[in-house]
PDB file of N, CA and C in Angstrom:
ATOM      1  N   MET A   1       0.801  -1.127  -0.046  1.00  0.00           N
ATOM      2  CA  MET A   1       0.045   0.000  -0.043  1.00  0.00           C
ATOM      3  C   MET A   1       0.940   1.273   0.063  1.00  0.00           C
ATOM      4  N   ALA A   2       0.710   2.136  -0.843  1.00  0.00           N
ATOM      5  CA  ALA A   2       1.291   3.475  -0.974  1.00  0.00           C
ATOM      6  C   ALA A   2       0.570   4.559  -0.490  1.00  0.00           C
ATOM      7  N   LYS A   3       0.852   5.353   0.185  1.00  0.00           N
ATOM      8  CA  LYS A   3       0.363   6.671   0.656  1.00  0.00           C
ATOM      9  C   LYS A   3       1.244   7.606   0.821  1.00  0.00           C
ATOM     10  N   ILE A   4       0.735   8.916   1.050  1.00  0.00           N
ATOM     11  CA  ILE A   4       1.604  10.105   1.224  1.00  0.00           C
ATOM     12  C   ILE A   4       1.991  10.152   2.740  1.00  0.00           C
ATOM     13  N   GLY A   5       3.229  10.199   2.973  1.00  0.00           N
ATOM     14  CA  GLY A   5       3.687  10.092   4.326  1.00  0.00           C
ATOM     15  C   GLY A   5       3.802  11.435   5.038  1.00  0.00           C
ATOM     16  N   TYR A   6       4.346  12.503   4.224  1.00  0.00           N
ATOM     17  CA  TYR A   6       4.332  13.823   4.780  1.00  0.00           C
ATOM     18  C   TYR A   6       4.397  14.817   3.596  1.00  0.00           C
ATOM     19  N   LEU A   7       4.052  16.023   3.898  1.00  0.00           N
ATOM     20  CA  LEU A   7       4.055  17.127   3.092  1.00  0.00           C
ATOM     21  C   LEU A   7       4.966  18.203   3.756  1.00  0.00           C
ATOM     22  N   SER A   8       5.657  18.969   2.885  1.00  0.00           N
ATOM     23  CA  SER A   8       6.621  20.023   3.309  1.00  0.00           C
ATOM     24  C   SER A   8       6.116  21.413   2.967  1.00  0.00           C
ATOM     25  N   ILE A   9       6.363  22.275   3.840  1.00  0.00           N
ATOM     26  CA  ILE A   9       6.068  23.755   3.651  1.00  0.00           C
ATOM     27  C   ILE A   9       7.275  24.491   3.829  1.00  0.00           C
ATOM     28  N   GLY A  10       7.698  25.372   3.107  1.00  0.00           N
ATOM     29  CA  GLY A  10       9.051  26.272   3.258  1.00  0.00           C
ATOM     30  C   GLY A  10       8.719  27.302   3.975  1.00  0.00           C
ATOM     31  N   THR A  11       9.672  27.840   4.735  1.00  0.00           N
ATOM     32  CA  THR A  11       9.515  29.005   5.517  1.00  0.00           C
ATOM     33  C   THR A  11      10.968  29.962   5.540  1.00  0.00           C
ATOM     34  N   ASN A  12      10.809  31.052   5.611  1.00  0.00           N
ATOM     35  CA  ASN A  12      11.822  32.016   5.688  1.00  0.00           C
ATOM     36  C   ASN A  12      12.174  32.511   7.051  1.00  0.00           C
ATOM     37  N   ASP A  13      11.195  32.206   8.025  1.00  0.00           N
ATOM     38  CA  ASP A  13      11.397  32.691   9.398  1.00  0.00           C
ATOM     39  C   ASP A  13      10.843  31.331  10.159  1.00  0.00           C
ATOM     40  N   PHE A  14      11.717  30.404  10.429  1.00  0.00           N
ATOM     41  CA  PHE A  14      11.365  29.164  11.180  1.00  0.00           C
ATOM     42  C   PHE A  14      10.700  29.357  12.505  1.00  0.00           C
ATOM     43  N   ASP A  15      11.148  30.276  13.378  1.00  0.00           N
ATOM     44  CA  ASP A  15      10.404  30.479  14.626  1.00  0.00           C
ATOM     45  C   ASP A  15       8.899  30.963  14.553  1.00  0.00           C
ATOM     46  N   LYS A  16       8.879  31.812  13.541  1.00  0.00           N
ATOM     47  CA  LYS A  16       7.437  32.387  13.474  1.00  0.00           C
ATOM     48  C   LYS A  16       6.449  31.189  12.805  1.00  0.00           C
ATOM     49  N   ALA A  17       7.132  30.620  11.760  1.00  0.00           N
ATOM     50  CA  ALA A  17       6.333  29.487  11.170  1.00  0.00           C
ATOM     51  C   ALA A  17       6.026  28.434  12.204  1.00  0.00           C
ATOM     52  N   THR A  18       6.843  27.961  12.834  1.00  0.00           N
ATOM     53  CA  THR A  18       6.586  26.728  13.898  1.00  0.00           C
ATOM     54  C   THR A  18       5.665  27.345  14.926  1.00  0.00           C
ATOM     55  N   GLY A  19       5.819  28.479  15.304  1.00  0.00           N
ATOM     56  CA  GLY A  19       4.819  29.212  16.366  1.00  0.00           C
ATOM     57  C   GLY A  19       3.488  29.057  15.773  1.00  0.00           C
ATOM     58  N   PHE A  20       3.230  29.555  14.507  1.00  0.00           N
ATOM     59  CA  PHE A  20       2.031  29.464  13.742  1.00  0.00           C
ATOM     60  C   PHE A  20       1.305  28.033  13.667  1.00  0.00           C
ATOM     61  N   TYR A  21       2.193  27.175  13.118  1.00  0.00           N
ATOM     62  CA  TYR A  21       1.789  25.852  13.033  1.00  0.00           C
ATOM     63  C   TYR A  21       1.491  25.037  14.417  1.00  0.00           C
ATOM     64  N   THR A  22       2.355  25.316  15.244  1.00  0.00           N
ATOM     65  CA  THR A  22       2.187  24.555  16.486  1.00  0.00           C
ATOM     66  C   THR A  22       0.798  24.979  17.142  1.00  0.00           C
ATOM     67  N   THR A  23       0.419  26.331  17.138  1.00  0.00           N
ATOM     68  CA  THR A  23      -0.801  26.728  17.639  1.00  0.00           C
ATOM     69  C   THR A  23      -2.028  26.264  16.690  1.00  0.00           C
ATOM     70  N   LEU A  24      -1.772  26.631  15.464  1.00  0.00           N
ATOM     71  CA  LEU A  24      -2.889  26.218  14.571  1.00  0.00           C
ATOM     72  C   LEU A  24      -3.211  24.724  14.456  1.00  0.00           C
ATOM     73  N   LEU A  25      -2.380  23.773  14.453  1.00  0.00           N
ATOM     74  CA  LEU A  25      -2.556  22.430  14.284  1.00  0.00           C
ATOM     75  C   LEU A  25      -2.942  21.842  15.693  1.00  0.00           C
ATOM     76  N   GLY A  26      -2.467  22.512  16.582  1.00  0.00           N
ATOM     77  CA  GLY A  26      -2.875  22.137  18.071  1.00  0.00           C
ATOM     78  C   GLY A  26      -4.493  22.206  18.243  1.00  0.00           C
ATOM     79  N   GLU A  27      -5.178  23.079  17.320  1.00  0.00           N
ATOM     80  CA  GLU A  27      -6.633  23.174  17.391  1.00  0.00           C
ATOM     81  C   GLU A  27      -7.390  21.984  17.073  1.00  0.00           C
ATOM     82  N   ILE A  28      -6.626  21.130  16.275  1.00  0.00           N
ATOM     83  CA  ILE A  28      -7.346  19.809  15.883  1.00  0.00           C
ATOM     84  C   ILE A  28      -6.523  18.620  16.215  1.00  0.00           C
ATOM     85  N   GLY A  29      -5.691  18.769  17.381  1.00  0.00           N
ATOM     86  CA  GLY A  29      -4.994  17.711  17.894  1.00  0.00           C
ATOM     87  C   GLY A  29      -3.584  17.365  17.491  1.00  0.00           C
ATOM     88  N   GLY A  30      -3.203  18.312  16.390  1.00  0.00           N
ATOM     89  CA  GLY A  30      -1.772  18.089  15.897  1.00  0.00           C
ATOM     90  C   GLY A  30      -0.832  18.541  16.811  1.00  0.00           C
ATOM     91  N   LYS A  31       0.427  17.845  16.711  1.00  0.00           N
ATOM     92  CA  LYS A  31       1.540  18.211  17.759  1.00  0.00           C
ATOM     93  C   LYS A  31       2.799  18.216  17.061  1.00  0.00           C
ATOM     94  N   PRO A  32       3.851  18.792  17.432  1.00  0.00           N
ATOM     95  CA  PRO A  32       5.098  18.757  16.906  1.00  0.00           C
ATOM     96  C   PRO A  32       5.472  17.263  17.330  1.00  0.00           C
ATOM     97  N   LEU A  33       6.283  16.551  16.220  1.00  0.00           N
ATOM     98  CA  LEU A  33       6.443  15.277  16.479  1.00  0.00           C
ATOM     99  C   LEU A  33       8.140  14.944  16.515  1.00  0.00           C
ATOM    100  N   MET A  34       8.853  15.611  15.421  1.00  0.00           N
ATOM    101  CA  MET A  34      10.232  15.118  15.284  1.00  0.00           C
ATOM    102  C   MET A  34      10.993  16.377  14.569  1.00  0.00           C
ATOM    103  N   PRO A  35      11.900  16.983  15.372  1.00  0.00           N
ATOM    104  CA  PRO A  35      12.835  18.113  14.775  1.00  0.00           C
ATOM    105  C   PRO A  35      13.724  17.315  13.649  1.00  0.00           C
ATOM    106  N   THR A  36      14.001  18.100  12.516  1.00  0.00           N
ATOM    107  CA  THR A  36      14.962  17.729  11.508  1.00  0.00           C
ATOM    108  C   THR A  36      16.105  18.734  11.572  1.00  0.00           C
ATOM    109  N   SER A  37      17.078  18.457  10.767  1.00  0.00           N
ATOM    110  CA  SER A  37      18.266  19.582  10.742  1.00  0.00           C
ATOM    111  C   SER A  37      17.692  20.721  10.369  1.00  0.00           C
ATOM    112  N   ALA A  38      16.738  20.858   9.515  1.00  0.00           N
ATOM    113  CA  ALA A  38      16.302  22.246   8.974  1.00  0.00           C
ATOM    114  C   ALA A  38      14.763  22.386   9.211  1.00  0.00           C
ATOM    115  N   GLY A  39      14.097  21.568   9.961  1.00  0.00           N
ATOM    116  CA  GLY A  39      12.830  21.818  10.123  1.00  0.00           C
ATOM    117  C   GLY A  39      12.109  21.046  11.156  1.00  0.00           C
ATOM    118  N   LEU A  40      10.648  20.984  11.173  1.00  0.00           N
ATOM    119  CA  LEU A  40       9.895  20.223  12.201  1.00  0.00           C
ATOM    120  C   LEU A  40       8.791  19.698  11.680  1.00  0.00           C
ATOM    121  N   ILE A  41       8.612  18.320  11.996  1.00  0.00           N
ATOM    122  CA  ILE A  41       7.604  17.541  11.421  1.00  0.00           C
ATOM    123  C   ILE A  41       6.457  17.424  12.472  1.00  0.00           C
ATOM    124  N   TYR A  42       5.203  17.674  11.979  1.00  0.00           N
ATOM    125  CA  TYR A  42       3.971  17.597  12.908  1.00  0.00           C
ATOM    126  C   TYR A  42       3.099  16.410  12.521  1.00  0.00           C
ATOM    127  N   ARG A  43       2.703  15.884  13.641  1.00  0.00           N
ATOM    128  CA  ARG A  43       1.773  14.717  13.468  1.00  0.00           C
ATOM    129  C   ARG A  43       0.410  15.112  13.538  1.00  0.00           C
ATOM    130  N   LEU A  44      -0.491  14.892  12.570  1.00  0.00           N
ATOM    131  CA  LEU A  44      -1.914  15.162  12.734  1.00  0.00           C
ATOM    132  C   LEU A  44      -2.540  13.875  13.338  1.00  0.00           C
ATOM    133  N   PRO A  45      -3.783  14.203  13.832  1.00  0.00           N
ATOM    134  CA  PRO A  45      -4.517  13.052  14.250  1.00  0.00           C
ATOM    135  C   PRO A  45      -4.528  11.865  13.455  1.00  0.00           C
ATOM    136  N   GLU A  46      -4.598  11.930  12.138  1.00  0.00           N
ATOM    137  CA  GLU A  46      -4.466  10.802  11.188  1.00  0.00           C
ATOM    138  C   GLU A  46      -4.048  11.351   9.760  1.00  0.00           C
ATOM    139  N   GLY A  47      -3.731  10.465   8.971  1.00  0.00           N
ATOM    140  CA  GLY A  47      -3.247  10.862   7.677  1.00  0.00           C
ATOM    141  C   GLY A  47      -1.779  11.376   7.466  1.00  0.00           C
ATOM    142  N   ALA A  48      -1.489  12.070   6.500  1.00  0.00           N
ATOM    143  CA  ALA A  48       0.056  12.502   6.371  1.00  0.00           C
ATOM    144  C   ALA A  48       0.480  13.498   7.462  1.00  0.00           C
ATOM    145  N   MET A  49       1.651  13.449   7.516  1.00  0.00           N
ATOM    146  CA  MET A  49       2.357  14.485   8.442  1.00  0.00           C
ATOM    147  C   MET A  49       2.656  15.793   7.666  1.00  0.00           C
ATOM    148  N   LEU A  50       3.029  16.798   8.376  1.00  0.00           N
ATOM    149  CA  LEU A  50       3.285  18.097   7.713  1.00  0.00           C
ATOM    150  C   LEU A  50       4.730  18.610   8.452  1.00  0.00           C
ATOM    151  N   MET A  51       5.678  18.843   7.436  1.00  0.00           N
ATOM    152  CA  MET A  51       6.849  19.429   7.736  1.00  0.00           C
ATOM    153  C   MET A  51       7.027  20.860   7.402  1.00  0.00           C
ATOM    154  N   VAL A  52       7.536  21.693   8.433  1.00  0.00           N
ATOM    155  CA  VAL A  52       7.816  23.166   8.070  1.00  0.00           C
ATOM    156  C   VAL A  52       9.236  23.239   8.074  1.00  0.00           C
ATOM    157  N   THR A  53       9.885  23.775   7.154  1.00  0.00           N
ATOM    158  CA  THR A  53      11.285  23.536   6.912  1.00  0.00           C
ATOM    159  C   THR A  53      11.847  24.733   6.249  1.00  0.00           C
ATOM    160  N   LYS A  54      13.087  25.154   6.508  1.00  0.00           N
ATOM    161  CA  LYS A  54      14.015  25.928   5.573  1.00  0.00           C
ATOM    162  C   LYS A  54      14.472  25.258   4.457  1.00  0.00           C
ATOM    163  N   PRO A  55      14.311  25.831   3.180  1.00  0.00           N
ATOM    164  CA  PRO A  55      14.746  25.156   2.004  1.00  0.00           C
ATOM    165  C   PRO A  55      16.240  24.496   2.201  1.00  0.00           C
ATOM    166  N   HIS A  56      16.446  23.276   1.629  1.00  0.00           N
ATOM    167  CA  HIS A  56      17.675  22.635   1.766  1.00  0.00           C
ATOM    168  C   HIS A  56      18.711  23.395   1.077  1.00  0.00           C
ATOM    169  N   ASP A  57      18.407  24.062  -0.038  1.00  0.00           N
ATOM    170  CA  ASP A  57      19.532  24.617  -0.909  1.00  0.00           C
ATOM    171  C   ASP A  57      19.881  25.953  -0.439  1.00  0.00           C
ATOM    172  N   GLY A  58      19.282  26.511   0.772  1.00  0.00           N
ATOM    173  CA  GLY A  58      19.629  27.787   1.229  1.00  0.00           C
ATOM    174  C   GLY A  58      19.035  29.060   0.686  1.00  0.00           C
ATOM    175  N   ALA A  59      18.276  28.797  -0.440  1.00  0.00           N
ATOM    176  CA  ALA A  59      17.747  30.056  -1.086  1.00  0.00           C
ATOM    177  C   ALA A  59      16.456  30.230  -0.141  1.00  0.00           C
ATOM    178  N   ALA A  60      15.696  31.339  -0.860  1.00  0.00           N
ATOM    179  CA  ALA A  60      14.629  31.897  -0.045  1.00  0.00           C
ATOM    180  C   ALA A  60      13.488  30.874  -0.335  1.00  0.00           C
ATOM    181  N   ALA A  61      12.548  30.573   0.665  1.00  0.00           N
ATOM    182  CA  ALA A  61      11.352  29.761   0.489  1.00  0.00           C
ATOM    183  C   ALA A  61      10.346  30.607  -0.329  1.00  0.00           C
ATOM    184  N   THR A  62       9.772  29.954  -1.240  1.00  0.00           N
ATOM    185  CA  THR A  62       8.489  30.708  -2.011  1.00  0.00           C
ATOM    186  C   THR A  62       7.420  29.635  -2.099  1.00  0.00           C
ATOM    187  N   PHE A  63       6.237  30.152  -2.192  1.00  0.00           N
ATOM    188  CA  PHE A  63       5.109  29.272  -2.257  1.00  0.00           C
ATOM    189  C   PHE A  63       4.852  28.985  -3.676  1.00  0.00           C
ATOM    190  N   GLY A  64       4.305  28.014  -4.052  1.00  0.00           N
ATOM    191  CA  GLY A  64       3.883  27.415  -5.447  1.00  0.00           C
ATOM    192  C   GLY A  64       2.547  28.053  -5.834  1.00  0.00           C
ATOM    193  N   ASN A  65       2.540  28.634  -7.032  1.00  0.00           N
ATOM    194  CA  ASN A  65       1.317  29.003  -7.787  1.00  0.00           C
ATOM    195  C   ASN A  65       0.523  27.951  -8.044  1.00  0.00           C
ATOM    196  N   GLY A  66      -0.653  27.722  -7.470  1.00  0.00           N
ATOM    197  CA  GLY A  66      -1.495  26.573  -7.741  1.00  0.00           C
ATOM    198  C   GLY A  66      -1.212  25.342  -6.750  1.00  0.00           C
ATOM    199  N   THR A  67      -0.272  25.590  -5.837  1.00  0.00           N
ATOM    200  CA  THR A  67       0.004  24.573  -4.700  1.00  0.00           C
ATOM    201  C   THR A  67      -0.869  24.921  -3.610  1.00  0.00           C
ATOM    202  N   MET A  68      -1.479  23.925  -2.871  1.00  0.00           N
ATOM    203  CA  MET A  68      -2.377  23.925  -1.589  1.00  0.00           C
ATOM    204  C   MET A  68      -2.377  22.706  -0.973  1.00  0.00           C
ATOM    205  N   ILE A  69      -2.269  22.874   0.160  1.00  0.00           N
ATOM    206  CA  ILE A  69      -2.542  21.659   1.209  1.00  0.00           C
ATOM    207  C   ILE A  69      -3.860  21.874   1.864  1.00  0.00           C
ATOM    208  N   ALA A  70      -4.668  20.859   1.723  1.00  0.00           N
ATOM    209  CA  ALA A  70      -5.929  20.772   2.406  1.00  0.00           C
ATOM    210  C   ALA A  70      -6.027  19.894   3.493  1.00  0.00           C
ATOM    211  N   ILE A  71      -6.506  20.362   4.547  1.00  0.00           N
ATOM    212  CA  ILE A  71      -6.616  19.605   5.804  1.00  0.00           C
ATOM    213  C   ILE A  71      -8.071  19.174   6.109  1.00  0.00           C
ATOM    214  N   GLN A  72      -8.321  17.847   6.188  1.00  0.00           N
ATOM    215  CA  GLN A  72      -9.842  17.493   6.438  1.00  0.00           C
ATOM    216  C   GLN A  72     -10.001  17.440   7.966  1.00  0.00           C
ATOM    217  N   VAL A  73     -11.017  18.084   8.440  1.00  0.00           N
ATOM    218  CA  VAL A  73     -11.268  18.065   9.822  1.00  0.00           C
ATOM    219  C   VAL A  73     -12.659  17.053  10.181  1.00  0.00           C
ATOM    220  N   ASP A  74     -12.789  16.819  11.433  1.00  0.00           N
ATOM    221  CA  ASP A  74     -13.805  15.887  11.765  1.00  0.00           C
ATOM    222  C   ASP A  74     -15.252  16.615  11.992  1.00  0.00           C
ATOM    223  N   GLN A  75     -15.146  17.894  12.307  1.00  0.00           N
ATOM    224  CA  GLN A  75     -16.516  18.539  12.590  1.00  0.00           C
ATOM    225  C   GLN A  75     -16.681  19.644  11.798  1.00  0.00           C
ATOM    226  N   LYS A  76     -17.791  20.083  11.288  1.00  0.00           N
ATOM    227  CA  LYS A  76     -18.139  21.156  10.478  1.00  0.00           C
ATOM    228  C   LYS A  76     -17.553  22.576  11.108  1.00  0.00           C
ATOM    229  N   GLU A  77     -17.911  22.636  12.493  1.00  0.00           N
ATOM    230  CA  GLU A  77     -17.488  23.787  13.234  1.00  0.00           C
ATOM    231  C   GLU A  77     -16.038  24.145  13.136  1.00  0.00           C
ATOM    232  N   GLN A  78     -15.120  23.188  13.039  1.00  0.00           N
ATOM    233  CA  GLN A  78     -13.786  23.232  12.984  1.00  0.00           C
ATOM    234  C   GLN A  78     -13.279  24.053  11.793  1.00  0.00           C
ATOM    235  N   VAL A  79     -14.047  24.167  10.730  1.00  0.00           N
ATOM    236  CA  VAL A  79     -13.637  24.893   9.343  1.00  0.00           C
ATOM    237  C   VAL A  79     -13.645  26.361   9.752  1.00  0.00           C
ATOM    238  N   ALA A  80     -14.481  26.817  10.355  1.00  0.00           N
ATOM    239  CA  ALA A  80     -14.632  28.281  10.773  1.00  0.00           C
ATOM    240  C   ALA A  80     -13.631  28.509  11.734  1.00  0.00           C
ATOM    241  N   ALA A  81     -13.418  27.583  12.690  1.00  0.00           N
ATOM    242  CA  ALA A  81     -12.563  27.786  13.974  1.00  0.00           C
ATOM    243  C   ALA A  81     -11.173  27.799  13.373  1.00  0.00           C
ATOM    244  N   MET A  82     -10.774  26.928  12.595  1.00  0.00           N
ATOM    245  CA  MET A  82      -9.466  26.885  12.025  1.00  0.00           C
ATOM    246  C   MET A  82      -9.020  28.065  11.260  1.00  0.00           C
ATOM    247  N   HIS A  83     -10.052  28.542  10.370  1.00  0.00           N
ATOM    248  CA  HIS A  83      -9.791  29.827   9.420  1.00  0.00           C
ATOM    249  C   HIS A  83      -9.662  31.060  10.458  1.00  0.00           C
ATOM    250  N   ALA A  84     -10.502  31.043  11.615  1.00  0.00           N
ATOM    251  CA  ALA A  84     -10.275  32.228  12.414  1.00  0.00           C
ATOM    252  C   ALA A  84      -8.916  32.214  13.180  1.00  0.00           C
ATOM    253  N   LYS A  85      -8.469  31.067  13.620  1.00  0.00           N
ATOM    254  CA  LYS A  85      -7.272  30.845  14.200  1.00  0.00           C
ATOM    255  C   LYS A  85      -6.123  31.316  13.386  1.00  0.00           C
ATOM    256  N   ALA A  86      -6.122  30.842  12.202  1.00  0.00           N
ATOM    257  CA  ALA A  86      -5.159  31.203  11.205  1.00  0.00           C
ATOM    258  C   ALA A  86      -4.886  32.761  11.034  1.00  0.00           C
ATOM    259  N   LEU A  87      -5.909  33.357  10.935  1.00  0.00           N
ATOM    260  CA  LEU A  87      -6.163  34.775  10.835  1.00  0.00           C
ATOM    261  C   LEU A  87      -5.608  35.604  12.023  1.00  0.00           C
ATOM    262  N   GLU A  88      -5.969  35.047  13.073  1.00  0.00           N
ATOM    263  CA  GLU A  88      -5.555  35.436  14.461  1.00  0.00           C
ATOM    264  C   GLU A  88      -4.097  35.380  14.515  1.00  0.00           C
ATOM    265  N   LEU A  89      -3.604  34.279  13.924  1.00  0.00           N
ATOM    266  CA  LEU A  89      -2.061  34.108  14.099  1.00  0.00           C
ATOM    267  C   LEU A  89      -1.105  34.809  13.129  1.00  0.00           C
ATOM    268  N   GLY A  90      -2.010  35.749  12.265  1.00  0.00           N
ATOM    269  CA  GLY A  90      -1.319  36.585  11.215  1.00  0.00           C
ATOM    270  C   GLY A  90      -1.411  36.068   9.870  1.00  0.00           C
ATOM    271  N   GLY A  91      -2.116  34.943   9.417  1.00  0.00           N
ATOM    272  CA  GLY A  91      -2.386  34.476   8.132  1.00  0.00           C
ATOM    273  C   GLY A  91      -3.416  35.327   7.469  1.00  0.00           C
ATOM    274  N   SER A  92      -3.567  35.165   6.220  1.00  0.00           N
ATOM    275  CA  SER A  92      -4.312  36.077   5.449  1.00  0.00           C
ATOM    276  C   SER A  92      -5.634  35.195   4.821  1.00  0.00           C
ATOM    277  N   CYS A  93      -6.729  35.739   4.674  1.00  0.00           N
ATOM    278  CA  CYS A  93      -7.962  35.042   4.081  1.00  0.00           C
ATOM    279  C   CYS A  93      -7.830  34.954   2.533  1.00  0.00           C
ATOM    280  N   GLU A  94      -8.030  33.723   2.156  1.00  0.00           N
ATOM    281  CA  GLU A  94      -8.209  33.305   0.816  1.00  0.00           C
ATOM    282  C   GLU A  94      -9.536  32.874   0.311  1.00  0.00           C
ATOM    283  N   GLY A  95     -10.482  32.791   1.268  1.00  0.00           N
ATOM    284  CA  GLY A  95     -11.867  32.374   1.021  1.00  0.00           C
ATOM    285  C   GLY A  95     -12.551  32.093   2.403  1.00  0.00           C
ATOM    286  N   GLN A  96     -13.508  32.920   2.712  1.00  0.00           N
ATOM    287  CA  GLN A  96     -14.267  32.679   3.887  1.00  0.00           C
ATOM    288  C   GLN A  96     -14.871  31.244   4.043  1.00  0.00           C
ATOM    289  N   PRO A  97     -15.092  30.932   5.374  1.00  0.00           N
ATOM    290  CA  PRO A  97     -15.697  29.436   5.626  1.00  0.00           C
ATOM    291  C   PRO A  97     -17.044  29.557   5.121  1.00  0.00           C
ATOM    292  N   GLY A  98     -17.501  28.408   4.441  1.00  0.00           N
ATOM    293  CA  GLY A  98     -18.830  28.250   4.168  1.00  0.00           C
ATOM    294  C   GLY A  98     -19.032  26.947   3.078  1.00  0.00           C
ATOM    295  N   PRO A  99     -20.277  26.711   2.624  1.00  0.00           N
ATOM    296  CA  PRO A  99     -20.506  25.568   1.859  1.00  0.00           C
ATOM    297  C   PRO A  99     -19.822  25.913   0.443  1.00  0.00           C
ATOM    298  N   ARG A 100     -19.274  24.743  -0.209  1.00  0.00           N
ATOM    299  CA  ARG A 100     -18.840  24.781  -1.515  1.00  0.00           C
ATOM    300  C   ARG A 100     -19.570  23.636  -2.404  1.00  0.00           C
ATOM    301  N   GLY A 101     -20.993  24.072  -2.723  1.00  0.00           N
ATOM    302  CA  GLY A 101     -21.621  23.186  -3.552  1.00  0.00           C
ATOM    303  C   GLY A 101     -21.973  21.752  -2.646  1.00  0.00           C
ATOM    304  N   ALA A 102     -21.878  20.699  -3.213  1.00  0.00           N
ATOM    305  CA  ALA A 102     -22.305  19.408  -2.699  1.00  0.00           C
ATOM    306  C   ALA A 102     -20.987  18.818  -2.063  1.00  0.00           C
ATOM    307  N   PHE A 103     -19.752  19.614  -2.054  1.00  0.00           N
ATOM    308  CA  PHE A 103     -18.590  19.012  -1.673  1.00  0.00           C
ATOM    309  C   PHE A 103     -18.568  19.187  -0.100  1.00  0.00           C
ATOM    310  N   GLY A 104     -19.046  20.158   0.538  1.00  0.00           N
ATOM    311  CA  GLY A 104     -19.037  20.362   1.967  1.00  0.00           C
ATOM    312  C   GLY A 104     -18.668  21.675   2.366  1.00  0.00           C
ATOM    313  N   ASP A 105     -18.171  22.032   3.548  1.00  0.00           N
ATOM    314  CA  ASP A 105     -17.778  23.321   4.061  1.00  0.00           C
ATOM    315  C   ASP A 105     -16.289  23.401   3.785  1.00  0.00           C
ATOM    316  N   PHE A 106     -15.820  24.657   3.250  1.00  0.00           N
ATOM    317  CA  PHE A 106     -14.306  24.698   3.116  1.00  0.00           C
ATOM    318  C   PHE A 106     -14.085  26.186   3.571  1.00  0.00           C
ATOM    319  N   ALA A 107     -12.700  26.379   3.903  1.00  0.00           N
ATOM    320  CA  ALA A 107     -12.184  27.806   4.240  1.00  0.00           C
ATOM    321  C   ALA A 107     -10.766  27.803   3.717  1.00  0.00           C
ATOM    322  N   TYR A 108     -10.229  28.895   3.145  1.00  0.00           N
ATOM    323  CA  TYR A 108      -8.962  28.991   2.490  1.00  0.00           C
ATOM    324  C   TYR A 108      -8.124  30.194   3.246  1.00  0.00           C
ATOM    325  N   PHE A 109      -6.857  29.963   3.455  1.00  0.00           N
ATOM    326  CA  PHE A 109      -6.105  31.076   3.958  1.00  0.00           C
ATOM    327  C   PHE A 109      -4.662  30.607   3.559  1.00  0.00           C
ATOM    328  N   ARG A 110      -3.787  31.736   3.869  1.00  0.00           N
ATOM    329  CA  ARG A 110      -2.425  31.681   3.661  1.00  0.00           C
ATOM    330  C   ARG A 110      -1.612  31.751   4.902  1.00  0.00           C
ATOM    331  N   ASP A 111      -0.493  31.109   5.060  1.00  0.00           N
ATOM    332  CA  ASP A 111       0.312  31.150   6.305  1.00  0.00           C
ATOM    333  C   ASP A 111       1.079  32.447   5.967  1.00  0.00           C
ATOM    334  N   LEU A 112       1.985  32.641   7.184  1.00  0.00           N
ATOM    335  CA  LEU A 112       2.998  33.762   7.245  1.00  0.00           C
ATOM    336  C   LEU A 112       4.011  33.858   6.222  1.00  0.00           C
ATOM    337  N   ASP A 113       4.271  32.627   5.433  1.00  0.00           N
ATOM    338  CA  ASP A 113       5.253  32.723   4.317  1.00  0.00           C
ATOM    339  C   ASP A 113       4.415  32.657   2.928  1.00  0.00           C
ATOM    340  N   GLY A 114       3.116  32.782   2.905  1.00  0.00           N
ATOM    341  CA  GLY A 114       2.147  32.896   1.669  1.00  0.00           C
ATOM    342  C   GLY A 114       1.860  31.479   1.162  1.00  0.00           C
ATOM    343  N   ASN A 115       2.193  30.418   1.873  1.00  0.00           N
ATOM    344  CA  ASN A 115       1.679  29.050   1.441  1.00  0.00           C
ATOM    345  C   ASN A 115       0.030  29.001   1.639  1.00  0.00           C
ATOM    346  N   LYS A 116      -0.603  28.500   0.707  1.00  0.00           N
ATOM    347  CA  LYS A 116      -2.053  28.361   0.722  1.00  0.00           C
ATOM    348  C   LYS A 116      -2.357  27.101   1.445  1.00  0.00           C
ATOM    349  N   LEU A 117      -3.518  27.156   2.137  1.00  0.00           N
ATOM    350  CA  LEU A 117      -3.975  26.106   2.734  1.00  0.00           C
ATOM    351  C   LEU A 117      -5.723  26.095   2.755  1.00  0.00           C
ATOM    352  N   ALA A 118      -6.282  24.881   2.699  1.00  0.00           N
ATOM    353  CA  ALA A 118      -7.602  24.903   2.970  1.00  0.00           C
ATOM    354  C   ALA A 118      -7.809  24.003   4.092  1.00  0.00           C
ATOM    355  N   VAL A 119      -8.965  24.353   4.719  1.00  0.00           N
ATOM    356  CA  VAL A 119      -9.512  23.347   5.710  1.00  0.00           C
ATOM    357  C   VAL A 119     -10.955  23.124   5.290  1.00  0.00           C
ATOM    358  N   TYR A 120     -11.303  21.718   5.348  1.00  0.00           N
ATOM    359  CA  TYR A 120     -12.510  21.341   4.937  1.00  0.00           C
ATOM    360  C   TYR A 120     -13.140  20.247   5.853  1.00  0.00           C
ATOM    361  N   TYR A 121     -14.508  20.144   5.611  1.00  0.00           N
ATOM    362  CA  TYR A 121     -15.389  19.039   6.415  1.00  0.00           C
ATOM    363  C   TYR A 121     -16.376  18.726   5.269  1.00  0.00           C
ATOM    364  N   SER A 122     -16.422  17.288   4.955  1.00  0.00           N
ATOM    365  CA  SER A 122     -17.205  16.772   4.005  1.00  0.00           C
ATOM    366  C   SER A 122     -17.795  15.438   4.272  1.00  0.00           C
ATOM    367  N   THR A 123     -18.872  14.978   3.999  1.00  0.00           N
ATOM    368  CA  THR A 123     -19.398  13.726   4.385  1.00  0.00           C
ATOM    369  C   THR A 123     -19.164  13.052   2.936  1.00  0.00           C
ATOM    370  N   GLN A 124     -18.938  13.630   1.896  1.00  0.00           N
ATOM    371  CA  GLN A 124     -18.757  13.095   0.527  1.00  0.00           C
ATOM    372  C   GLN A 124     -17.271  12.482   0.286  1.00  0.00           C
ATOM    373  N   MET A 125     -16.404  12.978   1.051  1.00  0.00           N
ATOM    374  CA  MET A 125     -14.893  12.686   0.564  1.00  0.00           C
ATOM    375  C   MET A 125     -14.223  11.936   1.744  1.00  0.00           C
TER     376      MET A 125
END
């Protein structure tokens, strides 16, 4: 069986980024799992892990145009709560929480380095 083990998000300010993600992911039971030489891996309650890291090549971290990480949550109310927490921590809104057709409830935001994330709840997926 093959599955995604972890995803990486680049940062230019490691301390700010890990503060952001430690608090944000803590809202859904995520926690720091393992430091690496350039990053920190977070364990989510289930599914792939998330690593926040400085780029290996020493160049500036940039976000990908069209790249997004979506985090599925267990309760509809968590969509709005996670979006609000991300904005409270200095993230920026990319789409208010709410229904997206038959797919469920989604919210979109960017982290402190401009990486785009979605939080969603769906009974269809």
